[in-house]
Amino acid sequence: MTTAAAAKGPASYFPSIEKKYGRPTAEWQQLIRSSALTRHMELVGWLKSEHGLGHGHANALVAATLAEDARG
């Protein structure tokens, strides 16, 4: 992968998240969006406790999803 094509920020975690947990990123983001929770750390805690994600992976998914939603 070239430097120009390398994902940056939270998205850099997506390939390892998909490999480790067997779900595409879009599916995780849909779960986050369908949750009644709205605060970053609440969502991170929920992904960790209910879905077994590690802190870094949960944090990356929540950060990317909330940022994407804020952009509209």
C-alpha atoms as a PDB file:
ATOM      1  CA  MET A   1       0.000   0.000   0.000  1.00  0.00           C
ATOM      2  CA  THR A   2       1.399   3.400  -0.903  1.00  0.00           C
ATOM      3  CA  THR A   3       1.492   6.263   1.543  1.00  0.00           C
ATOM      4  CA  ALA A   4      -1.068   8.183  -0.507  1.00  0.00           C
ATOM      5  CA  ALA A   5      -3.507   5.264  -0.380  1.00  0.00           C
ATOM      6  CA  ALA A   6      -3.016   4.520   3.326  1.00  0.00           C
ATOM      7  CA  ALA A   7      -6.031   5.192   5.517  1.00  0.00           C
ATOM      8  CA  LYS A   8      -5.539   7.789   8.210  1.00  0.00           C
ATOM      9  CA  GLY A   9      -7.148   8.396  11.579  1.00  0.00           C
ATOM     10  CA  PRO A  10      -9.826   6.017  12.823  1.00  0.00           C
ATOM     11  CA  ALA A  11     -10.239   4.455   9.368  1.00  0.00           C
ATOM     12  CA  SER A  12      -6.727   3.009   9.653  1.00  0.00           C
ATOM     13  CA  TYR A  13      -8.191   0.494  12.124  1.00  0.00           C
ATOM     14  CA  PHE A  14     -10.964  -0.721   9.808  1.00  0.00           C
ATOM     15  CA  PRO A  15      -9.092  -3.568   8.053  1.00  0.00           C
ATOM     16  CA  SER A  16      -8.006  -5.097  11.361  1.00  0.00           C
ATOM     17  CA  ILE A  17     -11.492  -4.655  12.846  1.00  0.00           C
ATOM     18  CA  GLU A  18     -13.063  -6.476   9.907  1.00  0.00           C
ATOM     19  CA  LYS A  19     -10.474  -9.257  10.076  1.00  0.00           C
ATOM     20  CA  LYS A  20     -10.656  -9.734  13.848  1.00  0.00           C
ATOM     21  CA  TYR A  21     -14.440  -9.530  14.333  1.00  0.00           C
ATOM     22  CA  GLY A  22     -15.653 -10.848  10.960  1.00  0.00           C
ATOM     23  CA  ARG A  23     -18.058  -8.010  10.176  1.00  0.00           C
ATOM     24  CA  PRO A  24     -17.669  -5.237   7.623  1.00  0.00           C
ATOM     25  CA  THR A  25     -17.181  -1.711   8.917  1.00  0.00           C
ATOM     26  CA  ALA A  26     -20.526  -0.641   7.437  1.00  0.00           C
ATOM     27  CA  GLU A  27     -22.295  -3.220   9.603  1.00  0.00           C
ATOM     28  CA  TRP A  28     -20.594  -1.913  12.772  1.00  0.00           C
ATOM     29  CA  GLN A  29     -21.504   1.637  11.807  1.00  0.00           C
ATOM     30  CA  GLN A  30     -25.131   0.648  11.290  1.00  0.00           C
ATOM     31  CA  LEU A  31     -25.176  -0.941  14.751  1.00  0.00           C
ATOM     32  CA  ILE A  32     -23.805   2.278  16.226  1.00  0.00           C
ATOM     33  CA  ARG A  33     -26.383   4.384  14.387  1.00  0.00           C
ATOM     34  CA  SER A  34     -29.253   2.122  15.464  1.00  0.00           C
ATOM     35  CA  SER A  35     -28.277   2.273  19.133  1.00  0.00           C
ATOM     36  CA  ALA A  36     -30.306   4.468  21.467  1.00  0.00           C
ATOM     37  CA  LEU A  37     -26.980   5.702  22.861  1.00  0.00           C
ATOM     38  CA  THR A  38     -25.572   8.935  21.465  1.00  0.00           C
ATOM     39  CA  ARG A  39     -22.484   9.852  23.503  1.00  0.00           C
ATOM     40  CA  HIS A  40     -19.065   8.750  22.334  1.00  0.00           C
ATOM     41  CA  MET A  41     -17.897   6.923  25.460  1.00  0.00           C
ATOM     42  CA  GLU A  42     -21.319   5.342  26.044  1.00  0.00           C
ATOM     43  CA  LEU A  43     -21.136   3.856  22.552  1.00  0.00           C
ATOM     44  CA  VAL A  44     -17.547   2.706  23.083  1.00  0.00           C
ATOM     45  CA  GLY A  45     -18.531   0.989  26.338  1.00  0.00           C
ATOM     46  CA  TRP A  46     -21.523  -0.643  24.664  1.00  0.00           C
ATOM     47  CA  LEU A  47     -19.427  -2.030  21.810  1.00  0.00           C
ATOM     48  CA  LYS A  48     -16.925  -3.382  24.322  1.00  0.00           C
ATOM     49  CA  SER A  49     -19.445  -4.966  26.693  1.00  0.00           C
ATOM     50  CA  GLU A  50     -22.091  -6.172  24.254  1.00  0.00           C
ATOM     51  CA  HIS A  51     -19.980  -7.027  21.218  1.00  0.00           C
ATOM     52  CA  GLY A  52     -16.555  -7.836  22.669  1.00  0.00           C
ATOM     53  CA  LEU A  53     -14.568  -5.182  20.827  1.00  0.00           C
ATOM     54  CA  GLY A  54     -11.321  -3.894  22.238  1.00  0.00           C
ATOM     55  CA  HIS A  55     -11.174  -0.276  23.352  1.00  0.00           C
ATOM     56  CA  GLY A  56      -9.139   0.997  20.397  1.00  0.00           C
ATOM     57  CA  HIS A  57     -11.338  -0.691  17.828  1.00  0.00           C
ATOM     58  CA  ALA A  58     -14.559   0.476  19.469  1.00  0.00           C
ATOM     59  CA  ASN A  59     -13.200   4.001  19.799  1.00  0.00           C
ATOM     60  CA  ALA A  60     -12.162   4.117  16.131  1.00  0.00           C
ATOM     61  CA  LEU A  61     -15.567   2.926  14.924  1.00  0.00           C
ATOM     62  CA  VAL A  62     -17.476   5.387  17.101  1.00  0.00           C
ATOM     63  CA  ALA A  63     -15.198   8.313  16.225  1.00  0.00           C
ATOM     64  CA  ALA A  64     -15.473   7.667  12.480  1.00  0.00           C
ATOM     65  CA  THR A  65     -19.228   7.119  12.598  1.00  0.00           C
ATOM     66  CA  LEU A  66     -20.001  10.211  14.652  1.00  0.00           C
ATOM     67  CA  ALA A  67     -17.682  12.357  12.498  1.00  0.00           C
ATOM     68  CA  GLU A  68     -19.311  11.042   9.325  1.00  0.00           C
ATOM     69  CA  ASP A  69     -22.786  11.755  10.688  1.00  0.00           C
ATOM     70  CA  ALA A  70     -21.771  15.270  11.773  1.00  0.00           C
ATOM     71  CA  ARG A  71     -20.589  16.045   8.248  1.00  0.00           C
ATOM     72  CA  GLY A  72     -24.018  15.067   6.993  1.00  0.00           C
END
